[in-house]
Amino acid sequence: MGRNPTEGMKDDDTQDKEVKGAKNDGGYPFGRFDHALDPKKRLTIPAVWRELLGNPEHLYVLLDPYESCLTILSEREMDARMSKLRSGSLFDKNRSAAMRYIGENSELLNVDGHGRIRISDRLLRLVGVKDKVVFIGTGVKMELWPLELKPQEAEVDRSALQASFVAIDF
């Protein structure tokens, strides 16, 4: 296997050099990036990830239903997920309740020219983000965690890693 393309990257300039000429297949990234909110409470999406996503102008963020983190999706991914809900009856009680709950706990974010996003104070507070965060790319979505819930581990739990590969039939 080749080396991890994100290993040892320190800043956006280094990341930009790594992906120049990379094919954009609209995929989601893998990896981990630790970041801090800037004074205006903005976060910068890592440059290598923006490139993989096609340098989007907008992203969606929503509360994860199972973990104390936020899920970040592209417009295309969110639209594909929501089209399932839209295809049913507009006045189906359960469908309406689901759409309302998702709508109330998600946001459409603008991505500025520097790759920064501003998530509402409410969503940041609901997952416990104060000033430092961890972006985790899972290959199908991006997760945003408070640093306190995802500290950098000194070692990898190999049995958990093996179980993860088996669970997804990798």
Protein backbone atom coordinates (compact mmCIF):
# COMPACT_ATOMS: atom_id res chain seq x y z
CA MET A 1 0.00 0.00 0.00
CA GLY A 2 1.14 3.58 -0.67
CA ARG A 3 1.64 6.16 1.97
CA ASN A 4 -1.27 8.14 3.38
CA PRO A 5 -1.43 11.33 1.25
CA THR A 6 -2.46 13.38 4.28
CA GLU A 7 0.29 12.07 6.56
CA GLY A 8 2.52 14.79 7.91
CA MET A 9 0.66 17.68 6.29
CA LYS A 10 0.95 20.86 8.28
CA ASP A 11 -0.94 23.60 6.42
CA ASP A 12 -3.20 24.34 3.47
CA ASP A 13 -0.23 25.18 1.18
CA THR A 14 1.25 21.71 1.60
CA GLN A 15 -2.16 20.13 1.09
CA ASP A 16 -2.76 22.10 -2.12
CA LYS A 17 0.53 20.83 -3.57
CA GLU A 18 -0.42 17.22 -2.83
CA VAL A 19 -3.67 17.30 -4.83
CA LYS A 20 -2.76 19.40 -7.87
CA GLY A 21 -3.88 17.47 -10.90
CA ALA A 22 -5.78 14.94 -8.78
CA LYS A 23 -8.90 13.56 -10.41
CA ASN A 24 -12.07 14.80 -8.73
CA ASP A 25 -14.58 11.99 -8.58
CA GLY A 26 -16.87 13.79 -6.15
CA GLY A 27 -15.84 11.39 -3.41
CA TYR A 28 -15.47 11.96 0.27
CA PRO A 29 -12.13 12.08 2.03
CA PHE A 30 -10.56 9.83 4.60
CA GLY A 31 -8.38 11.13 7.38
CA ARG A 32 -8.23 13.34 10.42
CA PHE A 33 -7.52 17.04 10.73
CA ASP A 34 -7.42 18.94 14.04
CA HIS A 35 -8.50 22.57 13.80
CA ALA A 36 -9.52 25.52 15.94
CA LEU A 37 -12.36 27.96 15.47
CA ASP A 38 -11.09 31.36 14.36
CA PRO A 39 -12.14 34.51 16.29
CA LYS A 40 -15.35 34.70 14.20
CA LYS A 41 -16.10 31.02 14.99
CA ARG A 42 -15.35 29.87 11.44
CA LEU A 43 -13.74 26.58 10.47
CA THR A 44 -11.61 25.93 7.43
CA ILE A 45 -12.35 22.77 5.49
CA PRO A 46 -8.94 21.20 4.69
CA ALA A 47 -7.84 22.13 1.16
CA VAL A 48 -7.28 18.52 0.08
CA TRP A 49 -10.86 17.72 1.13
CA ARG A 50 -12.31 20.74 -0.69
CA GLU A 51 -10.56 19.53 -3.84
CA LEU A 52 -12.08 16.04 -3.49
CA LEU A 53 -15.52 17.60 -3.06
CA GLY A 54 -15.08 19.76 -6.15
CA ASN A 55 -14.51 23.05 -4.26
CA PRO A 56 -18.16 23.40 -3.24
CA GLU A 57 -19.87 26.74 -2.67
CA HIS A 58 -22.23 25.17 -0.11
CA LEU A 59 -22.25 22.26 2.33
CA TYR A 60 -24.90 20.89 4.67
CA VAL A 61 -24.30 20.23 8.34
CA LEU A 62 -26.61 18.21 10.57
CA LEU A 63 -26.60 16.64 13.98
CA ASP A 64 -25.48 13.03 13.97
CA PRO A 65 -28.37 10.94 15.32
CA TYR A 66 -26.09 8.52 17.20
CA GLU A 67 -22.91 10.38 18.18
CA SER A 68 -22.00 13.74 19.74
CA CYS A 69 -20.73 15.12 16.47
CA LEU A 70 -21.92 16.99 13.40
CA THR A 71 -22.16 15.40 9.96
CA ILE A 72 -21.13 17.47 6.94
CA LEU A 73 -22.47 16.52 3.50
CA SER A 74 -22.19 17.94 -0.01
CA GLU A 75 -25.28 19.43 -1.63
CA ARG A 76 -25.43 16.47 -4.00
CA GLU A 77 -25.32 13.94 -1.16
CA MET A 78 -27.91 15.78 0.93
CA ASP A 79 -30.21 16.11 -2.08
CA ALA A 80 -29.93 12.38 -2.80
CA ARG A 81 -30.79 11.58 0.82
CA MET A 82 -33.68 14.03 0.97
CA SER A 83 -35.16 12.95 -2.36
CA LYS A 84 -36.29 9.75 -0.65
CA LEU A 85 -38.31 11.81 1.80
CA ARG A 86 -39.61 14.15 -0.91
CA SER A 87 -40.89 11.29 -3.05
CA GLY A 88 -43.67 10.43 -0.62
CA SER A 89 -46.88 12.16 0.31
CA LEU A 90 -46.42 15.77 1.35
CA PHE A 91 -48.83 15.31 4.25
CA ASP A 92 -47.76 11.91 5.54
CA LYS A 93 -47.55 12.46 9.30
CA ASN A 94 -44.38 10.42 9.92
CA ARG A 95 -42.60 11.76 6.84
CA SER A 96 -43.51 15.34 7.76
CA ALA A 97 -42.26 14.86 11.32
CA ALA A 98 -38.96 13.40 10.03
CA MET A 99 -38.42 16.23 7.54
CA ARG A 100 -39.26 18.84 10.17
CA TYR A 101 -36.83 17.35 12.67
CA ILE A 102 -34.04 17.06 10.13
CA GLY A 103 -34.73 20.60 8.88
CA GLU A 104 -34.66 22.02 12.39
CA ASN A 105 -31.32 20.36 13.15
CA SER A 106 -29.43 21.04 9.94
CA GLU A 107 -28.06 24.04 8.08
CA LEU A 108 -26.98 25.00 4.60
CA LEU A 109 -23.53 26.54 4.90
CA ASN A 110 -21.75 28.92 2.55
CA VAL A 111 -18.13 28.02 1.83
CA ASP A 112 -16.18 31.25 1.38
CA GLY A 113 -13.25 31.74 -1.00
CA HIS A 114 -10.83 30.57 1.68
CA GLY A 115 -12.74 27.35 2.36
CA ARG A 116 -14.24 28.57 5.63
CA ILE A 117 -17.66 27.72 6.98
CA ARG A 118 -19.63 29.19 9.89
CA ILE A 119 -21.79 26.71 11.80
CA SER A 120 -24.43 28.17 14.12
CA ASP A 121 -23.66 28.55 17.79
CA ARG A 122 -26.63 26.29 18.52
CA LEU A 123 -25.30 23.30 16.59
CA LEU A 124 -21.78 23.81 17.93
CA ARG A 125 -23.16 23.96 21.47
CA LEU A 126 -25.32 20.85 21.01
CA VAL A 127 -22.24 18.72 20.32
CA GLY A 128 -20.02 20.49 22.84
CA VAL A 129 -17.66 22.39 20.52
CA LYS A 130 -15.92 25.21 22.36
CA ASP A 131 -12.86 26.17 20.33
CA LYS A 132 -10.98 23.11 19.03
CA VAL A 133 -12.41 20.51 16.68
CA VAL A 134 -11.50 17.36 14.81
CA PHE A 135 -12.58 16.74 11.22
CA ILE A 136 -12.83 13.02 10.44
CA GLY A 137 -13.33 11.93 6.84
CA THR A 138 -15.04 8.54 6.73
CA GLY A 139 -15.14 8.10 2.95
CA VAL A 140 -18.92 8.65 2.87
CA LYS A 141 -19.28 11.80 4.99
CA MET A 142 -17.29 14.23 7.08
CA GLU A 143 -17.69 14.33 10.84
CA LEU A 144 -16.92 17.28 13.08
CA TRP A 145 -16.12 16.42 16.70
CA PRO A 146 -15.15 18.46 19.75
CA LEU A 147 -11.44 17.77 20.29
CA GLU A 148 -12.21 16.65 23.85
CA LEU A 149 -14.26 13.70 22.50
CA LYS A 150 -11.67 12.62 19.92
CA PRO A 151 -8.18 13.19 21.33
CA GLN A 152 -5.28 12.02 19.19
CA GLU A 153 -4.47 8.47 20.26
CA ALA A 154 -0.84 7.52 20.84
CA GLU A 155 -1.47 4.03 19.45
CA VAL A 156 -4.02 2.31 17.23
CA ASP A 157 -6.26 -0.39 18.69
CA ARG A 158 -5.52 -3.03 16.04
CA SER A 159 -8.40 -5.30 17.09
CA ALA A 160 -10.88 -2.41 16.72
CA LEU A 161 -9.35 -1.57 13.33
CA GLN A 162 -9.66 -5.18 12.21
CA ALA A 163 -13.27 -5.33 13.40
CA SER A 164 -14.01 -2.12 11.48
CA PHE A 165 -12.66 -3.56 8.23
CA VAL A 166 -14.67 -6.75 8.75
CA ALA A 167 -17.85 -4.83 9.61
CA ILE A 168 -17.78 -2.98 6.27
CA ASP A 169 -16.57 -6.02 4.30
CA PHE A 170 -13.52 -4.09 3.12
